[in-house]
Protein backbone atom coordinates (compact mmCIF):
# COMPACT_ATOMS: atom_id res chain seq x y z
CA UNK A 1 -0.09 0.04 0.12
CA UNK A 2 2.63 2.21 0.82
CA UNK A 3 4.27 1.87 -2.77
CA UNK A 4 1.31 2.79 -4.23
CA UNK A 5 0.87 5.85 -2.41
CA UNK A 6 4.57 7.25 -3.48
CA UNK A 7 3.73 6.41 -7.17
CA UNK A 8 0.55 8.64 -6.96
CA UNK A 9 2.49 11.58 -5.62
CA UNK A 10 2.76 14.58 -7.92
CA UNK A 11 5.98 16.15 -8.95
CA UNK A 12 5.10 19.32 -6.84
CA UNK A 13 4.92 16.80 -3.81
CA UNK A 14 8.00 15.10 -4.39
CA UNK A 15 10.98 16.02 -2.38
CA UNK A 16 13.67 14.66 -4.87
CA UNK A 17 14.27 14.24 -8.71
CA UNK A 18 16.39 11.92 -10.67
CA UNK A 19 19.32 12.54 -12.76
CA UNK A 20 17.21 11.92 -15.67
CA UNK A 21 14.60 14.53 -14.71
CA UNK A 22 17.05 17.43 -14.18
CA UNK A 23 18.27 16.38 -17.49
CA UNK A 24 14.87 16.98 -19.20
CA UNK A 25 14.08 20.14 -17.03
CA UNK A 26 17.33 21.67 -18.33
CA UNK A 27 16.84 20.55 -21.85
CA UNK A 28 20.66 18.53 -21.36
CA UNK A 29 22.02 15.21 -21.68
CA UNK A 30 22.46 12.67 -19.03
CA UNK A 31 26.16 13.10 -19.27
CA UNK A 32 25.98 16.76 -18.77
CA UNK A 33 23.59 16.34 -16.08
CA UNK A 34 25.63 13.70 -14.11
CA UNK A 35 28.25 16.62 -14.64
CA UNK A 36 26.45 19.14 -12.80
CA UNK A 37 25.89 16.82 -9.84
CA UNK A 38 29.36 15.60 -9.64
CA UNK A 39 30.29 19.53 -9.47
CA UNK A 40 28.27 19.60 -6.24
CA UNK A 41 25.78 22.41 -7.78
CA UNK A 42 22.86 20.75 -5.60
CA UNK A 43 22.37 18.59 -2.59
CA UNK A 44 22.38 14.89 -3.24
CA UNK A 45 21.43 11.50 -1.50
CA UNK A 46 23.03 8.47 -2.71
CA UNK A 47 21.16 5.13 -2.02
CA UNK A 48 23.12 2.48 -3.25
CA UNK A 49 24.24 3.39 -6.86
CA UNK A 50 21.15 5.46 -7.05
CA UNK A 51 21.13 9.33 -6.96
CA UNK A 52 18.51 11.40 -5.80
CA UNK A 53 18.74 15.05 -6.06
CA UNK A 54 17.02 17.53 -3.47
CA UNK A 55 14.38 19.35 -5.42
CA UNK A 56 14.60 22.47 -2.83
CA UNK A 57 18.12 22.77 -3.74
CA UNK A 58 18.13 22.03 -7.33
CA UNK A 59 15.03 24.61 -7.36
CA UNK A 60 17.11 27.07 -5.71
CA UNK A 61 20.43 26.54 -7.92
CA UNK A 62 18.05 26.87 -11.15
CA UNK A 63 16.41 30.31 -9.93
CA UNK A 64 19.94 31.80 -9.29
CA UNK A 65 20.94 30.64 -12.67
CA UNK A 66 18.49 33.14 -14.04
CA UNK A 67 20.03 35.95 -11.65
CA UNK A 68 23.26 35.50 -13.70
């Protein structure tokens, strides 16, 4: 039951992004997205080999790019 609730969360309710999702948001390839992660531009969590990007830190980083 818990897993079904997770799948039903809307993107605005989620607290993390996948690397593939930030690539799609930015319109860049996966390699470039992984490079941004590796550079430490936003907070990440590793769960085994999986990487999850903090939605809050990514959104703040993206907003700061508009100001540059």
